[in-house]
Protein backbone atom coordinates (compact mmCIF):
# COMPACT_ATOMS: atom_id res chain seq x y z
CA MET A 1 -3.92 -11.79 -40.58
CA ASP A 2 -3.06 -15.07 -42.39
CA LEU A 3 0.08 -15.00 -44.59
CA SER A 4 -1.79 -16.22 -47.69
CA LYS A 5 -4.29 -13.39 -47.36
CA ARG A 6 -1.55 -10.82 -47.12
CA MET A 7 0.13 -12.31 -50.21
CA PHE A 8 -2.91 -11.55 -52.39
CA GLY A 9 -2.25 -7.84 -52.10
CA ILE A 10 1.49 -8.31 -52.61
CA ALA A 11 0.92 -10.59 -55.62
CA ASN A 12 -1.38 -8.00 -57.17
CA LYS A 13 1.35 -5.36 -57.02
CA ILE A 14 4.09 -7.73 -58.26
CA ARG A 15 1.84 -8.85 -61.12
CA TRP A 16 1.61 -5.23 -62.29
CA LEU A 17 5.38 -5.05 -62.19
CA MET A 18 5.59 -8.30 -64.17
CA ILE A 19 3.16 -6.92 -66.79
CA VAL A 20 5.18 -3.72 -67.20
CA LEU A 21 8.48 -5.61 -67.46
CA SER A 22 6.95 -7.99 -70.05
CA VAL A 23 5.77 -5.10 -72.24
CA LEU A 24 9.16 -3.32 -72.04
CA ILE A 25 11.18 -6.46 -72.80
CA ILE A 26 8.88 -7.37 -75.72
CA GLN A 27 9.61 -3.97 -77.20
CA LEU A 28 13.32 -4.76 -77.07
CA PHE A 29 12.94 -8.16 -78.75
CA ASP A 30 13.31 -8.79 -82.41
CA ARG A 31 9.75 -8.37 -83.74
CA GLU A 32 10.23 -11.14 -86.27
CA LYS A 33 10.79 -13.69 -83.45
CA ILE A 34 7.64 -12.70 -81.54
CA THR A 35 4.22 -14.16 -82.19
CA THR A 36 2.07 -11.20 -81.16
CA LEU A 37 -1.35 -12.80 -80.69
CA PRO A 38 -0.32 -15.51 -78.14
CA VAL A 39 1.40 -12.78 -76.07
CA TYR A 40 -1.16 -9.99 -75.90
CA ILE A 41 -4.29 -12.09 -75.41
CA PRO A 42 -3.03 -13.58 -72.07
CA LEU A 43 -1.63 -10.12 -71.22
CA PHE A 44 -5.05 -8.48 -71.56
CA ILE A 45 -6.67 -11.30 -69.59
CA LEU A 46 -4.10 -10.85 -66.82
CA ILE A 47 -4.65 -7.07 -66.74
CA ILE A 48 -8.43 -7.53 -66.46
CA TYR A 49 -7.99 -10.05 -63.64
CA ASN A 50 -5.56 -7.82 -61.79
CA ILE A 51 -7.96 -4.89 -61.94
CA SER A 52 -10.93 -7.00 -60.80
CA SER A 53 -8.95 -8.58 -57.95
CA TYR A 54 -8.08 -5.11 -56.72
CA PHE A 55 -11.75 -4.17 -56.29
CA HIS A 56 -13.01 -7.63 -55.24
CA LYS A 57 -10.67 -8.85 -52.54
CA THR A 58 -11.96 -12.42 -52.18
CA THR A 59 -9.62 -15.07 -50.83
CA SER A 60 -10.25 -18.80 -51.10
CA PHE A 61 -8.43 -21.88 -52.35
CA LYS A 62 -10.35 -21.76 -55.64
CA VAL A 63 -9.14 -18.22 -56.26
CA CYS A 64 -5.60 -19.30 -55.38
CA TYR A 65 -5.72 -22.15 -57.85
CA ALA A 66 -7.24 -19.90 -60.53
CA GLU A 67 -4.62 -17.23 -59.94
CA SER A 68 -1.75 -19.73 -60.17
CA GLY A 69 -3.26 -21.20 -63.38
CA LEU A 70 -3.75 -17.75 -64.91
CA ASP A 71 -0.19 -16.67 -64.09
CA THR A 72 1.20 -19.96 -65.47
CA PHE A 73 -0.84 -19.56 -68.65
CA PHE A 74 0.40 -15.98 -69.17
CA ILE A 75 4.07 -16.78 -68.53
CA THR A 76 3.93 -19.97 -70.64
CA SER A 77 2.48 -18.05 -73.62
CA LEU A 78 5.07 -15.32 -73.07
CA ILE A 79 7.93 -17.84 -73.09
CA PHE A 80 6.54 -19.72 -76.09
CA SER A 81 6.12 -16.46 -78.07
CA THR A 82 9.60 -15.14 -77.23
CA GLY A 83 11.86 -18.01 -78.23
CA GLY A 84 11.10 -20.95 -75.95
CA ILE A 85 14.27 -22.12 -74.23
CA GLU A 86 16.03 -18.90 -75.21
CA SER A 87 13.36 -16.70 -73.60
CA PRO A 88 14.45 -14.96 -70.36
CA PHE A 89 10.84 -14.92 -69.09
CA TYR A 90 11.27 -18.39 -67.55
CA LEU A 91 12.39 -16.50 -64.42
CA PHE A 92 8.76 -15.38 -63.95
CA TYR A 93 7.97 -19.00 -63.08
CA LEU A 94 9.88 -18.42 -59.87
CA LEU A 95 7.30 -15.77 -58.87
CA ILE A 96 4.48 -18.28 -59.35
CA ILE A 97 6.34 -20.80 -57.18
CA MET A 98 6.95 -18.17 -54.49
CA PHE A 99 3.27 -17.18 -54.47
CA GLY A 100 2.33 -20.87 -54.37
CA ALA A 101 4.53 -21.43 -51.30
CA CYS A 102 2.54 -18.72 -49.54
CA TYR A 103 -0.85 -20.00 -50.74
CA TYR A 104 -0.40 -23.76 -50.30
CA LYS A 105 1.30 -26.29 -48.08
CA VAL A 106 4.64 -27.92 -48.87
CA LEU A 107 3.40 -30.84 -51.00
CA PRO A 108 1.09 -28.77 -53.27
CA THR A 109 3.93 -26.28 -53.74
CA LEU A 110 6.33 -29.04 -54.81
CA LEU A 111 3.66 -30.43 -57.18
CA LEU A 112 3.26 -26.94 -58.62
CA SER A 113 7.01 -26.74 -59.26
CA PHE A 114 6.96 -30.16 -60.93
CA GLY A 115 4.03 -29.10 -63.12
CA ILE A 116 5.82 -25.92 -64.18
CA SER A 117 8.95 -27.98 -64.95
CA ILE A 118 6.94 -30.31 -67.21
CA ILE A 119 5.28 -27.35 -68.97
CA TYR A 120 8.69 -25.77 -69.51
CA LEU A 121 10.03 -29.02 -71.00
CA VAL A 122 7.06 -29.22 -73.38
CA ILE A 123 7.61 -25.60 -74.47
CA CYS A 124 11.30 -26.30 -75.14
CA PHE A 125 10.51 -29.38 -77.30
CA LEU A 126 7.75 -27.56 -79.22
CA SER A 127 9.94 -24.54 -79.95
CA GLY A 128 12.05 -26.61 -82.36
CA GLU A 129 15.28 -25.06 -81.10
CA PRO A 130 18.31 -27.17 -80.16
CA ILE A 131 18.16 -27.99 -76.45
CA ALA A 132 21.12 -28.13 -74.11
CA ALA A 133 20.48 -30.71 -71.44
CA SER A 134 22.60 -28.76 -68.91
CA HIS A 135 20.38 -25.69 -69.28
CA LEU A 136 17.24 -27.71 -68.72
CA LEU A 137 18.66 -29.46 -65.68
CA VAL A 138 19.81 -26.18 -64.12
CA ARG A 139 16.47 -24.44 -64.70
CA ILE A 140 14.31 -27.32 -63.57
CA SER A 141 16.52 -27.76 -60.47
CA LEU A 142 16.08 -24.01 -59.84
CA PHE A 143 12.28 -24.40 -59.96
CA ILE A 144 12.28 -27.30 -57.50
CA ALA A 145 14.89 -25.72 -55.20
CA THR A 146 12.93 -22.47 -55.12
CA ALA A 147 9.79 -24.37 -54.18
CA GLY A 148 11.60 -26.17 -51.35
CA MET A 149 13.32 -23.06 -50.04
CA CYS A 150 10.22 -20.88 -50.17
CA SER A 151 8.09 -23.60 -48.52
CA PHE A 152 10.63 -23.90 -45.71
CA LEU A 153 10.75 -20.11 -45.18
CA VAL A 154 6.97 -19.82 -45.28
CA THR A 155 6.60 -22.70 -42.81
CA GLU A 156 9.04 -21.08 -40.40
CA THR A 157 7.31 -17.75 -40.87
CA LYS A 158 3.92 -19.30 -40.09
CA ILE A 159 5.35 -21.01 -36.99
CA ALA A 160 6.76 -17.70 -35.82
CA GLU A 161 3.43 -16.06 -36.65
CA ASP A 162 1.56 -18.69 -34.60
CA GLU A 163 3.90 -18.18 -31.68
CA LEU A 164 3.44 -14.45 -31.96
CA GLU A 165 -0.32 -14.92 -32.05
CA ASP A 166 -0.11 -17.10 -28.94
CA GLN A 167 1.86 -14.43 -27.18
CA ARG A 168 -0.64 -11.83 -28.31
CA GLN A 169 -3.52 -13.90 -26.95
CA LYS A 170 -1.68 -14.40 -23.67
CA ALA A 171 -1.03 -10.68 -23.47
CA LYS A 172 -4.69 -10.06 -24.23
CA MET A 173 -5.67 -12.45 -21.46
CA LEU A 174 -3.22 -10.82 -19.08
CA GLN A 175 -4.40 -7.31 -19.90
CA PRO A 176 -7.34 -7.35 -17.43
CA LYS A 177 -5.02 -8.68 -14.72
CA ILE A 178 -2.45 -6.01 -15.51
CA GLN A 179 -5.13 -3.34 -15.40
CA ALA A 180 -6.42 -4.74 -12.11
CA THR A 181 -2.87 -4.79 -10.73
CA LEU A 182 -2.30 -1.20 -11.81
CA CYS A 183 -5.60 -0.26 -10.20
CA ASP A 184 -4.50 -1.99 -7.00
CA ILE A 185 -1.16 -0.21 -7.13
CA ASN A 186 -2.93 3.13 -7.53
CA GLN A 187 -5.21 2.30 -4.62
CA GLU A 188 -2.28 1.27 -2.46
CA THR A 189 -0.47 4.46 -3.44
CA ASP A 190 -3.50 6.46 -2.37
CA ARG A 191 -3.67 4.51 0.88
CA ILE A 192 0.00 5.13 1.62
CA LYS A 193 -0.48 8.82 0.90
CA GLU A 194 -3.52 8.88 3.15
CA LEU A 195 -1.61 7.06 5.88
CA TYR A 196 1.04 9.73 5.64
CA ASP A 197 -1.64 12.42 5.87
CA ILE A 198 -3.15 10.63 8.86
CA SER A 199 0.21 10.67 10.61
CA LEU A 200 0.56 14.41 9.99
CA LYS A 201 -2.97 15.21 11.16
CA ILE A 202 -2.58 13.04 14.22
CA GLU A 203 0.58 14.92 15.13
CA GLU A 204 -1.24 18.23 14.71
CA ALA A 205 -4.23 17.16 16.84
CA SER A 206 -4.40 18.78 20.25
CA SER A 207 -6.15 16.00 22.15
CA GLU A 208 -6.31 12.23 22.17
CA ASP A 209 -10.01 12.16 21.31
CA GLU A 210 -9.42 14.44 18.33
CA TRP A 211 -6.68 12.39 16.68
CA LEU A 212 -8.51 9.13 17.32
CA VAL A 213 -11.50 10.53 15.43
CA PHE A 214 -9.13 11.58 12.60
CA ALA A 215 -7.86 8.00 12.33
CA LEU A 216 -11.39 6.56 12.30
CA ASP A 217 -12.42 9.08 9.63
CA TYR A 218 -9.82 7.65 7.26
CA VAL A 219 -10.93 4.10 7.99
CA ILE A 220 -14.51 5.10 7.13
CA HIS A 221 -13.32 6.92 3.99
CA PHE A 222 -11.37 3.97 2.54
CA LEU A 223 -13.18 0.85 3.70
CA HIS A 224 -16.69 2.33 4.08
CA PRO A 225 -17.64 0.38 7.21
CA ASP A 226 -20.89 1.21 8.95
CA LEU A 227 -19.05 1.76 12.20
CA ALA A 228 -15.48 2.06 13.49
CA LEU A 229 -14.45 2.00 17.15
CA VAL A 230 -11.35 2.13 19.30
CA PHE A 231 -11.26 0.23 22.58
CA LEU A 232 -8.53 1.16 25.08
CA PHE A 233 -7.63 -0.49 28.37
CA ASN A 234 -8.60 1.53 31.44
CA PRO A 235 -6.23 0.68 34.34
CA GLY A 236 -8.75 2.08 36.81
CA SER A 237 -11.55 -0.30 35.87
CA GLY A 238 -9.32 -3.04 34.47
CA ARG A 239 -11.51 -3.24 31.34
CA LEU A 240 -11.39 -2.40 27.64
CA GLU A 241 -13.68 0.59 27.11
CA VAL A 242 -14.80 2.46 23.99
CA LYS A 243 -12.54 5.49 23.65
CA ALA A 244 -13.61 6.79 20.22
CA THR A 245 -16.32 5.88 17.72
CA LYS A 246 -17.34 6.85 14.20
CA GLY A 247 -20.34 5.86 12.11
CA GLU A 248 -23.43 4.24 13.52
CA ASP A 249 -23.94 4.64 17.26
CA ILE A 250 -23.94 1.18 18.83
CA LYS A 251 -23.54 0.86 22.58
CA PHE A 252 -20.71 -1.59 23.09
CA PRO A 253 -20.08 -2.89 26.62
CA SER A 254 -16.67 -2.91 28.24
CA PHE A 255 -14.62 -6.09 28.24
CA ARG A 256 -11.98 -7.57 30.46
CA ILE A 257 -8.79 -8.80 28.82
CA GLY A 258 -9.67 -12.22 27.41
CA GLU A 259 -13.42 -11.66 27.70
CA GLY A 260 -15.50 -11.89 24.54
CA LEU A 261 -14.07 -11.43 21.06
CA ILE A 262 -12.72 -7.93 21.81
CA GLY A 263 -10.98 -9.19 24.94
CA GLN A 264 -9.57 -12.18 23.06
CA VAL A 265 -8.11 -9.97 20.33
CA ALA A 266 -6.49 -7.73 22.95
CA LYS A 267 -5.12 -10.75 24.82
CA GLU A 268 -3.85 -12.79 21.87
CA GLY A 269 -2.60 -9.83 19.86
CA GLU A 270 -3.84 -11.32 16.58
CA SER A 271 -6.24 -9.78 14.05
CA VAL A 272 -9.63 -11.35 13.38
CA VAL A 273 -11.34 -11.01 9.98
CA ILE A 274 -14.90 -12.35 9.68
CA GLY A 275 -16.88 -12.15 6.42
CA ASP A 276 -20.16 -13.50 7.83
CA THR A 277 -20.83 -13.68 11.58
CA TYR A 278 -23.97 -15.75 11.02
CA LEU A 279 -21.76 -18.67 9.98
CA LYS A 280 -20.07 -18.61 13.39
CA ALA A 281 -21.58 -20.61 16.23
CA GLU A 282 -19.23 -19.49 19.03
CA PRO A 283 -20.80 -17.44 21.89
CA MET A 284 -18.32 -14.58 21.37
CA TYR A 285 -20.06 -13.71 18.07
CA LEU A 286 -23.54 -13.51 19.64
CA PHE A 287 -23.30 -9.79 20.41
CA PHE A 288 -22.38 -9.02 16.78
CA LYS A 289 -25.36 -11.03 15.55
CA GLU A 290 -27.68 -9.20 17.92
CA GLN A 291 -26.38 -5.85 16.65
CA LYS A 292 -26.69 -7.12 13.03
CA ILE A 293 -23.00 -6.68 12.33
CA VAL A 294 -22.40 -9.20 9.53
CA SER A 295 -18.73 -8.57 8.65
CA PHE A 296 -15.96 -7.04 10.72
CA ILE A 297 -12.22 -6.64 11.17
CA ALA A 298 -10.82 -6.51 14.72
CA VAL A 299 -7.14 -5.54 15.04
CA PRO A 300 -5.19 -5.28 18.32
CA LEU A 301 -3.55 -2.09 19.48
CA PHE A 302 -0.60 -3.80 21.05
CA LEU A 303 2.68 -2.00 21.70
CA GLU A 304 4.72 -2.52 24.88
CA GLY A 305 1.91 -2.66 27.38
CA ILE A 306 -0.71 -0.74 25.39
CA ASN A 307 -3.82 -2.87 25.17
CA GLY A 308 -6.69 -1.98 22.88
CA VAL A 309 -8.64 -2.98 19.80
CA LEU A 310 -9.58 -1.23 16.55
CA LEU A 311 -12.91 -2.55 15.22
CA CYS A 312 -14.52 -1.97 11.80
CA GLY A 313 -17.98 -3.42 11.18
CA TRP A 314 -20.36 -3.76 8.23
CA ARG A 315 -24.12 -4.35 8.28
CA VAL A 316 -23.94 -6.35 5.05
CA LYS A 317 -21.91 -9.36 4.03
CA ARG A 318 -18.62 -8.19 2.61
CA ARG A 319 -15.75 -9.99 1.00
CA LEU A 320 -12.84 -8.83 3.10
CA GLU A 321 -9.46 -9.11 1.41
CA GLU A 322 -5.97 -9.26 2.81
CA LYS A 323 -5.30 -5.66 1.75
CA ASP A 324 -8.27 -4.49 3.87
CA LYS A 325 -6.81 -6.21 6.90
CA ILE A 326 -3.36 -4.75 6.19
CA PHE A 327 -4.81 -1.24 5.92
CA VAL A 328 -6.61 -1.54 9.28
CA GLU A 329 -3.44 -2.96 10.84
CA MET A 330 -1.47 0.03 9.52
CA ILE A 331 -3.99 2.39 11.11
CA SER A 332 -3.78 0.42 14.36
CA LYS A 333 0.01 0.72 14.35
CA ILE A 334 -0.24 4.47 13.84
CA ILE A 335 -2.67 4.69 16.77
CA SER A 336 -0.45 2.44 18.92
CA LEU A 337 2.64 4.50 18.14
CA ARG A 338 0.84 7.73 18.97
CA LEU A 339 -0.41 6.28 22.25
CA LYS A 340 3.09 5.06 23.02
CA ASN A 341 4.51 8.49 22.21
CA GLU A 342 2.00 10.12 24.54
CA ARG A 343 2.96 7.74 27.33
CA LEU A 344 6.63 8.49 26.68
CA ASP A 345 5.93 12.24 26.70
CA GLU A 346 4.18 11.87 30.03
CA GLU A 347 7.07 9.86 31.40
CA ILE A 348 9.63 12.36 30.09
CA THR A 349 7.64 15.20 31.63
CA ARG A 350 7.41 13.35 34.91
CA LEU A 351 11.13 12.59 34.93
CA SER A 352 11.98 16.18 34.03
CA ILE A 353 10.11 17.51 37.09
CA CYS A 354 11.10 14.73 39.51
CA ASP A 355 14.20 14.20 41.61
CA LYS A 356 16.06 11.00 40.67
CA SER A 357 17.02 10.02 44.24
CA THR A 358 13.60 10.41 45.87
CA ALA A 359 11.14 10.21 42.91
CA LEU A 360 9.63 13.45 44.28
CA PHE A 361 9.17 16.70 42.37
CA ALA A 362 12.42 18.47 41.54
CA TYR A 363 12.95 21.55 43.67
CA PRO A 364 13.15 24.08 40.76
CA PHE A 365 9.83 22.80 39.41
CA PHE A 366 8.35 22.87 42.93
CA GLU A 367 9.49 26.45 43.44
CA THR A 368 7.96 27.51 40.12
CA LYS A 369 4.62 25.88 41.01
CA LEU A 370 4.72 27.49 44.48
CA LYS A 371 5.20 30.89 42.87
CA GLU A 372 2.29 30.30 40.46
CA GLU A 373 -0.07 28.89 43.10
CA LEU A 374 0.71 31.64 45.60
CA ALA A 375 0.01 34.28 42.94
CA ARG A 376 -3.29 32.55 42.15
CA SER A 377 -4.21 32.32 45.85
CA MET A 378 -3.48 36.06 46.30
CA ARG A 379 -5.62 36.87 43.29
CA LEU A 380 -8.54 34.67 44.39
CA PHE A 381 -7.91 35.16 48.13
CA ARG A 382 -7.72 31.42 48.55
CA PRO A 383 -5.76 29.67 51.36
CA LEU A 384 -2.45 27.91 50.71
CA SER A 385 -0.01 26.24 53.09
CA LEU A 386 3.65 25.25 53.03
CA ILE A 387 5.28 22.65 55.28
CA VAL A 388 9.04 22.38 55.81
CA LEU A 389 10.16 19.08 57.40
CA ARG A 390 13.47 17.76 58.65
CA ALA A 391 14.04 14.28 60.01
CA GLY A 392 17.29 14.84 61.86
CA LYS A 393 20.96 14.98 60.87
CA ASP A 394 21.43 11.26 60.24
CA ILE A 395 23.07 11.14 56.80
CA SER A 396 22.23 7.44 56.45
CA LEU A 397 18.53 8.31 56.44
CA ASP A 398 16.61 6.76 53.50
CA ALA A 399 15.22 9.92 51.88
CA GLN A 400 13.32 8.02 49.20
CA ARG A 401 11.51 5.86 51.76
CA LEU A 402 10.69 8.90 53.86
CA GLY A 403 9.38 10.65 50.78
CA LEU A 404 7.03 7.71 50.10
CA VAL A 405 5.71 7.92 53.68
CA ILE A 406 5.04 11.65 53.30
CA ASN A 407 3.46 11.18 49.88
CA SER A 408 1.11 8.55 51.26
CA GLN A 409 -0.46 11.15 53.59
CA THR A 410 -0.91 13.95 51.02
CA ARG A 411 -3.66 14.50 48.47
CA THR A 412 -3.36 14.00 44.72
CA ASP A 413 -2.91 17.71 43.94
CA ASP A 414 -0.43 18.35 46.79
CA MET A 415 3.25 18.57 45.88
CA VAL A 416 6.28 17.20 47.77
CA THR A 417 9.95 17.96 47.07
CA TYR A 418 13.32 17.38 48.75
CA GLN A 419 16.46 19.53 48.95
CA ASN A 420 19.37 19.77 51.39
CA LYS A 421 17.94 17.14 53.78
CA THR A 422 14.67 19.09 53.91
CA PHE A 423 11.23 18.13 52.65
CA PHE A 424 8.80 20.76 51.33
CA ILE A 425 5.07 20.08 51.13
CA LEU A 426 2.73 22.42 49.24
CA ALA A 427 -0.93 21.98 50.21
CA LEU A 428 -3.36 23.81 47.92
CA ARG A 429 -6.64 25.29 49.22
CA THR A 430 -5.60 24.42 52.79
CA GLY A 431 -5.86 26.83 55.73
CA GLU A 432 -4.21 26.87 59.15
CA ASN A 433 -6.51 24.40 60.92
CA ARG A 434 -6.38 21.77 58.22
CA ILE A 435 -2.63 22.05 57.72
CA ARG A 436 -2.11 21.41 61.45
CA ILE A 437 -4.07 18.20 61.10
CA LEU A 438 -2.04 17.17 58.02
CA ALA A 439 1.26 17.99 59.73
CA ASN A 440 0.36 15.95 62.79
CA ARG A 441 -0.70 13.03 60.63
CA ILE A 442 2.57 13.12 58.69
CA ARG A 443 4.59 13.28 61.91
CA GLU A 444 2.74 10.36 63.45
CA GLU A 445 3.16 8.27 60.28
CA ILE A 446 6.91 8.97 60.16
CA GLU A 447 7.34 8.06 63.84
CA LYS A 448 5.33 4.89 63.31
CA ASN A 449 7.08 3.66 60.14
CA MET A 450 10.55 5.13 60.49
CA GLY A 451 11.01 5.50 64.27
CA ILE A 452 12.10 9.11 63.76
CA LYS A 453 10.69 12.29 65.33
CA PRO A 454 10.66 14.94 62.57
CA THR A 455 10.86 18.69 62.98
CA ILE A 456 8.11 20.58 61.14
CA GLY A 457 7.60 24.23 60.31
CA ILE A 458 4.42 25.64 58.76
CA ALA A 459 3.63 28.85 56.90
CA CYS A 460 0.08 29.63 55.77
CA TYR A 461 -1.35 32.17 53.42
CA PRO A 462 -3.08 34.53 54.20
CA ASP A 463 -2.28 34.02 57.94
CA SER A 464 1.45 34.46 57.32
CA ILE A 465 2.24 37.83 55.80
CA ALA A 466 4.43 37.21 52.71
CA GLU A 467 4.92 39.34 49.61
CA ASN A 468 5.95 36.42 47.42
CA HIS A 469 6.83 32.74 47.44
CA LEU A 470 10.34 33.42 48.76
CA GLY A 471 8.82 35.24 51.71
CA LEU A 472 6.53 32.30 52.41
CA ILE A 473 9.52 29.92 52.32
CA LYS A 474 11.37 32.18 54.81
CA LYS A 475 8.35 32.12 57.11
CA ALA A 476 8.29 28.32 56.94
CA TYR A 477 12.04 28.12 57.70
CA ALA A 478 11.53 30.49 60.64
CA ALA A 479 8.79 28.22 61.97
CA LEU A 480 11.11 25.22 61.48
CA ALA A 481 13.87 26.95 63.48
CA LEU A 482 11.35 27.71 66.21
CA ALA A 483 10.25 24.10 66.28
CA GLU A 484 13.82 22.89 66.67
CA ARG A 485 14.12 24.96 69.87
CA LYS A 486 10.89 23.61 71.40
CA VAL A 487 10.15 20.32 73.06
CA GLU A 488 7.09 19.66 70.89
CA ARG A 489 9.36 20.00 67.87
CA MET A 490 6.63 21.69 65.88
CA ALA A 491 5.87 25.39 65.23
CA ILE A 492 3.67 27.55 63.00
CA ALA A 493 5.09 30.75 61.57
CA SER A 494 2.14 32.97 62.51
CA GLU A 495 1.10 35.25 65.27
CA CYS A 496 -0.82 32.39 67.00
CA GLY A 497 2.19 30.12 67.65
CA ILE A 498 2.01 26.61 69.10
């Protein structure tokens, strides 16, 4: 609100105080020195104006001028009726000057103070009382000084008020931005919380397909794409293939690293954000146009050898912001870390069951698996064979190389281990005839590649009678001992020897 408008209400209250003070002081004056009529007529006029201004709050320069004139008229009549230069009511002129400083600019306020000074001089000369020049100079100087001081204070106040108004307008203009920022902060807080929840759910998931779907569910929930897919590199085919999908079912082909947009993202390791594919003329965007995917975000799953791509697509044109890209990249990092952790778990498991010197299965793990598989074979009455192999007493023999030769002749589900210069080979679902063929093939391969004639002992279930896995191992050792005494250097621990 403007200062002059606020002063109308303040002036109204101060005027009532001035009226009350005037009436009280008049009562204390010597009645013989007071001319009653010139005092009370302006007093009644002032009271009527004050009451009307209370109910009709109109502010304009005309009203300001009228109010200053009315106040001057009342105070002048009061001073003239109460002794002229001896009247103490000249101080009320200061109130008029103060109000004027609030209503008008500096020059009109100074003119008002000069006018009041002239009126006061006229009153003093008309009163007929002796006049002290020092009194007049002091009072007139007080009027002018008050006008200057009040004008200066009001000007500074208005400047401060303008600056405050500017700041208020700036704050008002910034309010939508602040609200938008707070909204963004709340959204980011929700996203961070959801990312935390994703991490927990992914850890709880039992399979890779399950936790990949969890991750895509959150992408769909926050960004509302029409489809979300995860491409992972398949070492067998050498291509990026769709591993998990959510949303609309679109048949995406597989891609080689560097082939098409998906292959480029996996190769370069940089995210691609496209708001409108129809504005792109490159051939790599043709498939997206054919599938009517207008906007998409493609983010690489790239972490120490893990190649893949996380793709989010929209059927409509969408203004994709930096925060959308960051969110998808965060999801991709979670997926990459989980994939990396799974690879590390597999490697740790492999190392925990493998012998360091030969890279074959550790003997304790082999013995445990032999016990389990023999129990299963007994239950299902399914054949199982065990080979025990020695390659001589040469301590300089390269056991790791020999283990690779043996491994090259076995099947994927067969198990090979090494202990005390002896190799053990467990062949699942393999009977006596087939294990003879395998043993001969292994021997021939060792002789061919290593120049060594190995000694081999074989024990087969159910041909070899054994109560448990330890009994089967003893049968295989017995066959090995028999082979070491024969020229053929091979024996089978069964009733139908070699």
